[in-house]
Amino acid sequence: MAKKVVRRPKRKIIVPKKDYFVENKMTPYFAEVATLQRFTTERGKIVPRSRSGLNSKNQRRVTLEIKYARHLALLPFVVRD
């Protein structure tokens, strides 16, 4: 007799529909640490475009600016407990 596999429904992640930088008429900049922290998780990982709601141009720019801010020690590479 084969067991019946019960699958749970996937959780839906609420994604903002509008690009944060287009809406506020600004560009990502490494010195604006508070803005860049919006696009990192609590562990320090960069949030993907599917969850951040950014367009592709701004997502690439945010990624570069976060990496540059990490290099200058404005943002941590890893957040430890």
C-alpha atoms as a PDB file:
ATOM      1  CA  MET A   1       0.000   0.000   0.000  1.00  0.00           C
ATOM      2  CA  ALA A   2       1.396   3.345  -1.024  1.00  0.00           C
ATOM      3  CA  LYS A   3       1.119   6.223   1.379  1.00  0.00           C
ATOM      4  CA  LYS A   4      -0.733   9.282   0.244  1.00  0.00           C
ATOM      5  CA  VAL A   5       1.487  12.382   0.291  1.00  0.00           C
ATOM      6  CA  VAL A   6      -0.168  15.446   1.793  1.00  0.00           C
ATOM      7  CA  ARG A   7       1.245  18.697   0.454  1.00  0.00           C
ATOM      8  CA  ARG A   8       0.906  22.000   2.203  1.00  0.00           C
ATOM      9  CA  PRO A   9       0.046  25.050   0.123  1.00  0.00           C
ATOM     10  CA  LYS A  10       2.958  27.404  -0.521  1.00  0.00           C
ATOM     11  CA  ARG A  11       3.036  30.617   1.441  1.00  0.00           C
ATOM     12  CA  LYS A  12       2.487  33.650  -0.718  1.00  0.00           C
ATOM     13  CA  ILE A  13       5.062  36.413  -0.254  1.00  0.00           C
ATOM     14  CA  ILE A  14       3.604  39.893  -0.523  1.00  0.00           C
ATOM     15  CA  VAL A  15       5.725  41.843  -2.991  1.00  0.00           C
ATOM     16  CA  PRO A  16       5.566  45.616  -3.370  1.00  0.00           C
ATOM     17  CA  LYS A  17       4.318  46.525  -6.845  1.00  0.00           C
ATOM     18  CA  LYS A  18       6.234  49.789  -7.188  1.00  0.00           C
ATOM     19  CA  ASP A  19       9.963  50.374  -7.342  1.00  0.00           C
ATOM     20  CA  TYR A  20      11.146  52.186  -4.194  1.00  0.00           C
ATOM     21  CA  PHE A  21      13.709  54.316  -6.035  1.00  0.00           C
ATOM     22  CA  VAL A  22      11.411  55.297  -8.912  1.00  0.00           C
ATOM     23  CA  GLU A  23       8.658  56.209  -6.466  1.00  0.00           C
ATOM     24  CA  ASN A  24      10.961  58.450  -4.370  1.00  0.00           C
ATOM     25  CA  LYS A  25      12.862  59.815  -7.411  1.00  0.00           C
ATOM     26  CA  MET A  26      16.286  58.788  -6.146  1.00  0.00           C
ATOM     27  CA  THR A  27      19.115  56.406  -7.026  1.00  0.00           C
ATOM     28  CA  PRO A  28      20.837  53.838  -4.784  1.00  0.00           C
ATOM     29  CA  TYR A  29      23.939  55.267  -3.099  1.00  0.00           C
ATOM     30  CA  PHE A  30      26.396  53.431  -0.846  1.00  0.00           C
ATOM     31  CA  ALA A  31      26.439  56.126   1.863  1.00  0.00           C
ATOM     32  CA  GLU A  32      22.676  55.845   2.479  1.00  0.00           C
ATOM     33  CA  VAL A  33      22.972  52.866   4.774  1.00  0.00           C
ATOM     34  CA  ALA A  34      19.398  52.997   6.091  1.00  0.00           C
ATOM     35  CA  THR A  35      18.025  52.775   2.560  1.00  0.00           C
ATOM     36  CA  LEU A  36      20.314  49.886   1.642  1.00  0.00           C
ATOM     37  CA  GLN A  37      19.346  47.963   4.793  1.00  0.00           C
ATOM     38  CA  ARG A  38      15.777  47.792   3.471  1.00  0.00           C
ATOM     39  CA  PHE A  39      17.086  45.482   0.757  1.00  0.00           C
ATOM     40  CA  THR A  40      19.001  43.099   3.032  1.00  0.00           C
ATOM     41  CA  THR A  41      17.623  40.392   5.305  1.00  0.00           C
ATOM     42  CA  GLU A  42      18.202  40.275   9.044  1.00  0.00           C
ATOM     43  CA  ARG A  43      21.081  37.856   8.312  1.00  0.00           C
ATOM     44  CA  GLY A  44      22.719  40.308   5.890  1.00  0.00           C
ATOM     45  CA  LYS A  45      21.761  38.658   2.590  1.00  0.00           C
ATOM     46  CA  ILE A  46      20.702  40.751  -0.389  1.00  0.00           C
ATOM     47  CA  VAL A  47      16.958  40.452  -1.061  1.00  0.00           C
ATOM     48  CA  PRO A  48      16.185  39.140  -4.577  1.00  0.00           C
ATOM     49  CA  ARG A  49      14.298  41.196  -7.124  1.00  0.00           C
ATOM     50  CA  SER A  50      11.235  38.965  -6.817  1.00  0.00           C
ATOM     51  CA  ARG A  51      10.839  40.040  -3.167  1.00  0.00           C
ATOM     52  CA  SER A  52      12.151  43.605  -3.261  1.00  0.00           C
ATOM     53  CA  GLY A  53       9.893  44.890  -6.042  1.00  0.00           C
ATOM     54  CA  LEU A  54      12.717  46.761  -7.772  1.00  0.00           C
ATOM     55  CA  ASN A  55      13.148  46.932 -11.522  1.00  0.00           C
ATOM     56  CA  SER A  56      16.191  45.169 -12.977  1.00  0.00           C
ATOM     57  CA  LYS A  57      18.285  48.327 -13.394  1.00  0.00           C
ATOM     58  CA  ASN A  58      17.819  49.410  -9.786  1.00  0.00           C
ATOM     59  CA  GLN A  59      18.278  45.861  -8.449  1.00  0.00           C
ATOM     60  CA  ARG A  60      21.686  45.627 -10.136  1.00  0.00           C
ATOM     61  CA  ARG A  61      22.604  49.072  -8.796  1.00  0.00           C
ATOM     62  CA  VAL A  62      21.463  48.216  -5.252  1.00  0.00           C
ATOM     63  CA  THR A  63      23.525  45.025  -5.327  1.00  0.00           C
ATOM     64  CA  LEU A  64      26.658  46.903  -6.357  1.00  0.00           C
ATOM     65  CA  GLU A  65      26.101  49.665  -3.788  1.00  0.00           C
ATOM     66  CA  ILE A  66      25.525  47.129  -0.974  1.00  0.00           C
ATOM     67  CA  LYS A  67      28.740  45.328  -1.909  1.00  0.00           C
ATOM     68  CA  TYR A  68      30.624  48.639  -2.021  1.00  0.00           C
ATOM     69  CA  ALA A  69      29.210  49.651   1.389  1.00  0.00           C
ATOM     70  CA  ARG A  70      30.301  46.273   2.793  1.00  0.00           C
ATOM     71  CA  HIS A  71      33.792  46.802   1.426  1.00  0.00           C
ATOM     72  CA  LEU A  72      33.960  50.196   3.169  1.00  0.00           C
ATOM     73  CA  ALA A  73      32.648  48.609   6.416  1.00  0.00           C
ATOM     74  CA  LEU A  74      29.413  50.622   6.376  1.00  0.00           C
ATOM     75  CA  LEU A  75      27.353  47.422   6.232  1.00  0.00           C
ATOM     76  CA  PRO A  76      28.269  44.037   7.723  1.00  0.00           C
ATOM     77  CA  PHE A  77      28.965  41.033   5.513  1.00  0.00           C
ATOM     78  CA  VAL A  78      27.341  38.638   8.014  1.00  0.00           C
ATOM     79  CA  VAL A  79      25.229  39.380  11.068  1.00  0.00           C
ATOM     80  CA  ARG A  80      25.999  36.970  13.888  1.00  0.00           C
ATOM     81  CA  ASP A  81      23.707  36.095  16.787  1.00  0.00           C
END
